[in-house]
């Protein structure tokens, strides 16, 4: 079974638990933090994925990580279940899918806005208002920095990309001036 299908199933179950417990936002943030720890630490991933490490030791590592991030019982139990079923590789996908499902439930779109350098909060507020006007929905802006853009902004909402970067404009100009 593919990772995305497994992640969606777990995310759907977590969404339902979060709604039932009225702790959806906390669970979403805790899972995102756990996924961030998973992606950031190769030692952590190796300890959990290594077949030579005892299962109880893996559960202890997960328990310690859950304590460090202040995870509630639902998040802790989900992480332990992922270890029991050898599905920890799905954690980043699960966290991302859970956030998407929670956002959809609230009627929120998430826009990933990438710029070459940090911009003012005022600029992001204007951009958010513009994106909300274009989509007709409430938009939450996630900020990213990528110096390779040189200048300008790239906004991604779902599978739609609005690319106003200098890098792309220079690439287009090169393609026009130097055809194959």
C-alpha atoms as a PDB file:
ATOM      1  CA  UNK A   1       0.000   0.000   0.000  1.00  0.00           C
ATOM      2  CA  UNK A   2       1.378   3.420  -0.882  1.00  0.00           C
ATOM      3  CA  UNK A   3       2.580   5.824   1.790  1.00  0.00           C
ATOM      4  CA  UNK A   4       0.037   8.484   0.824  1.00  0.00           C
ATOM      5  CA  UNK A   5      -2.907   6.077   1.184  1.00  0.00           C
ATOM      6  CA  UNK A   6      -1.716   4.914   4.594  1.00  0.00           C
ATOM      7  CA  UNK A   7      -1.079   8.506   5.689  1.00  0.00           C
ATOM      8  CA  UNK A   8      -4.566   9.566   4.576  1.00  0.00           C
ATOM      9  CA  UNK A   9      -6.196   6.774   6.586  1.00  0.00           C
ATOM     10  CA  UNK A  10      -4.319   7.665   9.752  1.00  0.00           C
ATOM     11  CA  UNK A  11      -4.925  11.382   9.177  1.00  0.00           C
ATOM     12  CA  UNK A  12      -8.664  10.819   8.718  1.00  0.00           C
ATOM     13  CA  UNK A  13      -8.806   8.824  11.966  1.00  0.00           C
ATOM     14  CA  UNK A  14      -6.832  11.524  13.803  1.00  0.00           C
ATOM     15  CA  UNK A  15      -9.129  14.203  12.388  1.00  0.00           C
ATOM     16  CA  UNK A  16     -12.172  12.376  13.737  1.00  0.00           C
ATOM     17  CA  UNK A  17     -10.517  11.851  17.138  1.00  0.00           C
ATOM     18  CA  UNK A  18      -9.451  15.500  17.282  1.00  0.00           C
ATOM     19  CA  UNK A  19     -12.959  16.695  16.498  1.00  0.00           C
ATOM     20  CA  UNK A  20     -14.498  14.291  19.043  1.00  0.00           C
ATOM     21  CA  UNK A  21     -12.042  15.381  21.757  1.00  0.00           C
ATOM     22  CA  UNK A  22     -12.230  19.049  20.684  1.00  0.00           C
ATOM     23  CA  UNK A  23      -8.414  19.081  20.412  1.00  0.00           C
ATOM     24  CA  UNK A  24      -7.940  19.073  16.649  1.00  0.00           C
ATOM     25  CA  UNK A  25      -5.683  22.137  16.493  1.00  0.00           C
ATOM     26  CA  UNK A  26      -3.411  20.795  19.237  1.00  0.00           C
ATOM     27  CA  UNK A  27      -3.142  17.385  17.553  1.00  0.00           C
ATOM     28  CA  UNK A  28      -2.342  18.986  14.194  1.00  0.00           C
ATOM     29  CA  UNK A  29       0.461  21.056  15.746  1.00  0.00           C
ATOM     30  CA  UNK A  30       1.850  18.135  17.748  1.00  0.00           C
ATOM     31  CA  UNK A  31       1.938  15.880  14.695  1.00  0.00           C
ATOM     32  CA  UNK A  32       3.619  18.639  12.673  1.00  0.00           C
ATOM     33  CA  UNK A  33       6.251  19.039  15.408  1.00  0.00           C
ATOM     34  CA  UNK A  34       6.831  15.274  15.548  1.00  0.00           C
ATOM     35  CA  UNK A  35       7.143  15.138  11.752  1.00  0.00           C
ATOM     36  CA  UNK A  36       9.619  18.015  11.879  1.00  0.00           C
ATOM     37  CA  UNK A  37      11.726  16.115  14.416  1.00  0.00           C
ATOM     38  CA  UNK A  38      11.553  13.016  12.218  1.00  0.00           C
ATOM     39  CA  UNK A  39      12.709  14.901   9.134  1.00  0.00           C
ATOM     40  CA  UNK A  40      15.389  16.910  10.960  1.00  0.00           C
ATOM     41  CA  UNK A  41      17.204  14.073  12.706  1.00  0.00           C
ATOM     42  CA  UNK A  42      18.773  11.235  10.775  1.00  0.00           C
ATOM     43  CA  UNK A  43      19.826   9.670  14.106  1.00  0.00           C
ATOM     44  CA  UNK A  44      16.186   9.583  15.196  1.00  0.00           C
ATOM     45  CA  UNK A  45      15.090   8.011  11.907  1.00  0.00           C
ATOM     46  CA  UNK A  46      17.919   5.460  12.033  1.00  0.00           C
ATOM     47  CA  UNK A  47      17.080   4.458  15.604  1.00  0.00           C
ATOM     48  CA  UNK A  48      13.450   3.804  14.705  1.00  0.00           C
ATOM     49  CA  UNK A  49      14.054   2.148  11.323  1.00  0.00           C
ATOM     50  CA  UNK A  50      17.017  -0.022  12.365  1.00  0.00           C
ATOM     51  CA  UNK A  51      15.853  -3.654  12.702  1.00  0.00           C
ATOM     52  CA  UNK A  52      18.662  -4.324  15.205  1.00  0.00           C
ATOM     53  CA  UNK A  53      17.178  -1.877  17.724  1.00  0.00           C
ATOM     54  CA  UNK A  54      14.764  -3.628  20.104  1.00  0.00           C
ATOM     55  CA  UNK A  55      11.097  -2.747  19.698  1.00  0.00           C
ATOM     56  CA  UNK A  56      10.831  -1.638  23.345  1.00  0.00           C
ATOM     57  CA  UNK A  57      13.804   0.701  22.828  1.00  0.00           C
ATOM     58  CA  UNK A  58      12.067   2.221  19.808  1.00  0.00           C
ATOM     59  CA  UNK A  59       8.935   2.785  21.868  1.00  0.00           C
ATOM     60  CA  UNK A  60      11.038   4.398  24.596  1.00  0.00           C
ATOM     61  CA  UNK A  61      12.592   6.768  22.040  1.00  0.00           C
ATOM     62  CA  UNK A  62       9.135   7.700  20.762  1.00  0.00           C
ATOM     63  CA  UNK A  63       7.910   8.218  24.322  1.00  0.00           C
ATOM     64  CA  UNK A  64      10.834  10.501  25.085  1.00  0.00           C
ATOM     65  CA  UNK A  65      10.265  12.474  21.886  1.00  0.00           C
ATOM     66  CA  UNK A  66       6.553  12.789  22.719  1.00  0.00           C
ATOM     67  CA  UNK A  67       7.472  14.129  26.172  1.00  0.00           C
ATOM     68  CA  UNK A  68       9.877  16.668  24.664  1.00  0.00           C
ATOM     69  CA  UNK A  69       7.272  18.074  22.292  1.00  0.00           C
ATOM     70  CA  UNK A  70       4.564  18.048  24.964  1.00  0.00           C
ATOM     71  CA  UNK A  71       2.368  15.634  23.017  1.00  0.00           C
ATOM     72  CA  UNK A  72      -1.056  14.783  24.338  1.00  0.00           C
ATOM     73  CA  UNK A  73      -2.283  11.216  24.752  1.00  0.00           C
ATOM     74  CA  UNK A  74      -3.811  11.002  21.269  1.00  0.00           C
ATOM     75  CA  UNK A  75      -0.616  12.078  19.539  1.00  0.00           C
ATOM     76  CA  UNK A  76       1.541   9.884  21.778  1.00  0.00           C
ATOM     77  CA  UNK A  77      -0.643   6.829  21.122  1.00  0.00           C
ATOM     78  CA  UNK A  78      -0.644   7.507  17.387  1.00  0.00           C
ATOM     79  CA  UNK A  79       3.143   7.705  17.301  1.00  0.00           C
ATOM     80  CA  UNK A  80       3.434   4.475  19.294  1.00  0.00           C
ATOM     81  CA  UNK A  81       0.947   2.818  16.938  1.00  0.00           C
ATOM     82  CA  UNK A  82       3.056   3.914  13.959  1.00  0.00           C
ATOM     83  CA  UNK A  83       6.094   2.297  15.589  1.00  0.00           C
ATOM     84  CA  UNK A  84       4.157  -0.891  16.389  1.00  0.00           C
ATOM     85  CA  UNK A  85       2.999  -1.186  12.799  1.00  0.00           C
ATOM     86  CA  UNK A  86       6.341  -0.120  11.296  1.00  0.00           C
ATOM     87  CA  UNK A  87       4.806   2.906   9.615  1.00  0.00           C
ATOM     88  CA  UNK A  88       6.915   5.751  10.997  1.00  0.00           C
ATOM     89  CA  UNK A  89       8.043   6.630   7.459  1.00  0.00           C
ATOM     90  CA  UNK A  90       4.508   7.882   6.874  1.00  0.00           C
ATOM     91  CA  UNK A  91       4.762  10.477   9.671  1.00  0.00           C
ATOM     92  CA  UNK A  92       5.629  13.515   7.486  1.00  0.00           C
ATOM     93  CA  UNK A  93       2.871  12.614   5.010  1.00  0.00           C
ATOM     94  CA  UNK A  94       0.427  11.968   7.829  1.00  0.00           C
ATOM     95  CA  UNK A  95       1.146  15.354   9.440  1.00  0.00           C
ATOM     96  CA  UNK A  96       0.798  17.164   6.105  1.00  0.00           C
ATOM     97  CA  UNK A  97      -2.438  15.347   5.224  1.00  0.00           C
ATOM     98  CA  UNK A  98      -3.887  15.957   8.686  1.00  0.00           C
ATOM     99  CA  UNK A  99      -3.196  19.695   8.347  1.00  0.00           C
ATOM    100  CA  UNK A 100      -4.843  19.725   4.905  1.00  0.00           C
ATOM    101  CA  UNK A 101      -7.931  17.900   6.213  1.00  0.00           C
ATOM    102  CA  UNK A 102      -8.175  20.204   9.246  1.00  0.00           C
ATOM    103  CA  UNK A 103      -7.791  23.285   7.042  1.00  0.00           C
ATOM    104  CA  UNK A 104     -10.458  22.015   4.631  1.00  0.00           C
ATOM    105  CA  UNK A 105     -12.791  21.414   7.558  1.00  0.00           C
ATOM    106  CA  UNK A 106     -12.331  25.063   8.588  1.00  0.00           C
ATOM    107  CA  UNK A 107     -12.649  26.369   5.018  1.00  0.00           C
ATOM    108  CA  UNK A 108      -9.040  27.566   4.989  1.00  0.00           C
ATOM    109  CA  UNK A 109      -6.571  27.418   2.118  1.00  0.00           C
ATOM    110  CA  UNK A 110      -2.868  27.285   2.878  1.00  0.00           C
ATOM    111  CA  UNK A 111      -0.586  29.328   0.624  1.00  0.00           C
ATOM    112  CA  UNK A 112       3.132  28.628   0.564  1.00  0.00           C
ATOM    113  CA  UNK A 113       4.790  31.942  -0.240  1.00  0.00           C
ATOM    114  CA  UNK A 114       8.466  31.837  -1.159  1.00  0.00           C
ATOM    115  CA  UNK A 115      10.591  34.970  -1.395  1.00  0.00           C
ATOM    116  CA  UNK A 116      14.307  35.617  -1.908  1.00  0.00           C
ATOM    117  CA  UNK A 117      14.592  37.575   1.344  1.00  0.00           C
ATOM    118  CA  UNK A 118      12.316  38.137   4.341  1.00  0.00           C
ATOM    119  CA  UNK A 119       9.653  40.747   3.661  1.00  0.00           C
ATOM    120  CA  UNK A 120       7.650  42.960   6.007  1.00  0.00           C
ATOM    121  CA  UNK A 121       4.536  41.735   7.788  1.00  0.00           C
ATOM    122  CA  UNK A 122       2.628  44.497   6.007  1.00  0.00           C
ATOM    123  CA  UNK A 123       3.565  43.000   2.628  1.00  0.00           C
ATOM    124  CA  UNK A 124       2.417  39.531   3.712  1.00  0.00           C
ATOM    125  CA  UNK A 125      -0.879  40.983   4.979  1.00  0.00           C
ATOM    126  CA  UNK A 126      -1.513  42.648   1.611  1.00  0.00           C
ATOM    127  CA  UNK A 127      -0.559  39.467  -0.236  1.00  0.00           C
ATOM    128  CA  UNK A 128      -2.876  37.430   1.989  1.00  0.00           C
ATOM    129  CA  UNK A 129      -5.760  39.813   1.295  1.00  0.00           C
ATOM    130  CA  UNK A 130      -5.074  39.604  -2.438  1.00  0.00           C
ATOM    131  CA  UNK A 131      -4.985  35.781  -2.371  1.00  0.00           C
ATOM    132  CA  UNK A 132      -8.214  35.694  -0.358  1.00  0.00           C
ATOM    133  CA  UNK A 133      -9.869  37.935  -2.949  1.00  0.00           C
ATOM    134  CA  UNK A 134      -8.631  35.687  -5.795  1.00  0.00           C
ATOM    135  CA  UNK A 135      -9.750  32.419  -4.156  1.00  0.00           C
ATOM    136  CA  UNK A 136     -12.837  33.590  -2.306  1.00  0.00           C
ATOM    137  CA  UNK A 137     -11.660  31.705   0.803  1.00  0.00           C
ATOM    138  CA  UNK A 138      -9.698  32.446   3.925  1.00  0.00           C
ATOM    139  CA  UNK A 139      -5.971  31.994   3.260  1.00  0.00           C
ATOM    140  CA  UNK A 140      -3.178  31.244   5.706  1.00  0.00           C
ATOM    141  CA  UNK A 141       0.281  32.211   4.451  1.00  0.00           C
ATOM    142  CA  UNK A 142       3.252  29.929   5.204  1.00  0.00           C
ATOM    143  CA  UNK A 143       6.483  31.860   4.613  1.00  0.00           C
ATOM    144  CA  UNK A 144       9.576  30.346   2.998  1.00  0.00           C
ATOM    145  CA  UNK A 145      12.902  31.862   1.950  1.00  0.00           C
ATOM    146  CA  UNK A 146      14.811  30.755  -1.179  1.00  0.00           C
ATOM    147  CA  UNK A 147      17.714  32.971  -2.233  1.00  0.00           C
ATOM    148  CA  UNK A 148      17.826  31.322  -5.676  1.00  0.00           C
ATOM    149  CA  UNK A 149      14.703  33.287  -6.645  1.00  0.00           C
ATOM    150  CA  UNK A 150      16.914  36.411  -6.779  1.00  0.00           C
ATOM    151  CA  UNK A 151      13.813  38.588  -6.242  1.00  0.00           C
ATOM    152  CA  UNK A 152      10.041  38.491  -6.464  1.00  0.00           C
ATOM    153  CA  UNK A 153       7.512  36.074  -5.002  1.00  0.00           C
ATOM    154  CA  UNK A 154       6.245  32.566  -5.735  1.00  0.00           C
ATOM    155  CA  UNK A 155       2.890  31.647  -4.183  1.00  0.00           C
ATOM    156  CA  UNK A 156       1.567  28.086  -4.244  1.00  0.00           C
ATOM    157  CA  UNK A 157      -1.997  27.255  -3.257  1.00  0.00           C
ATOM    158  CA  UNK A 158      -2.680  23.574  -3.694  1.00  0.00           C
ATOM    159  CA  UNK A 159      -1.604  22.765  -7.233  1.00  0.00           C
ATOM    160  CA  UNK A 160      -1.832  26.366  -8.477  1.00  0.00           C
ATOM    161  CA  UNK A 161       1.389  28.346  -8.675  1.00  0.00           C
ATOM    162  CA  UNK A 162       1.669  32.107  -9.080  1.00  0.00           C
ATOM    163  CA  UNK A 163       5.285  32.729 -10.067  1.00  0.00           C
ATOM    164  CA  UNK A 164       6.461  36.326 -10.041  1.00  0.00           C
ATOM    165  CA  UNK A 165      10.108  35.562  -9.340  1.00  0.00           C
ATOM    166  CA  UNK A 166      12.993  37.275 -11.096  1.00  0.00           C
ATOM    167  CA  UNK A 167      14.602  33.859 -11.615  1.00  0.00           C
ATOM    168  CA  UNK A 168      11.642  32.672 -13.730  1.00  0.00           C
ATOM    169  CA  UNK A 169      11.478  35.923 -15.671  1.00  0.00           C
ATOM    170  CA  UNK A 170      15.176  35.714 -16.504  1.00  0.00           C
ATOM    171  CA  UNK A 171      14.716  32.074 -17.535  1.00  0.00           C
ATOM    172  CA  UNK A 172      11.849  33.072 -19.869  1.00  0.00           C
ATOM    173  CA  UNK A 173      13.911  35.877 -21.360  1.00  0.00           C
ATOM    174  CA  UNK A 174      16.812  33.470 -21.955  1.00  0.00           C
ATOM    175  CA  UNK A 175      14.468  31.016 -23.692  1.00  0.00           C
ATOM    176  CA  UNK A 176      13.205  33.790 -25.992  1.00  0.00           C
ATOM    177  CA  UNK A 177      16.647  35.159 -26.802  1.00  0.00           C
ATOM    178  CA  UNK A 178      18.414  31.808 -27.130  1.00  0.00           C
ATOM    179  CA  UNK A 179      16.007  29.365 -28.787  1.00  0.00           C
ATOM    180  CA  UNK A 180      17.170  25.781 -29.269  1.00  0.00           C
END
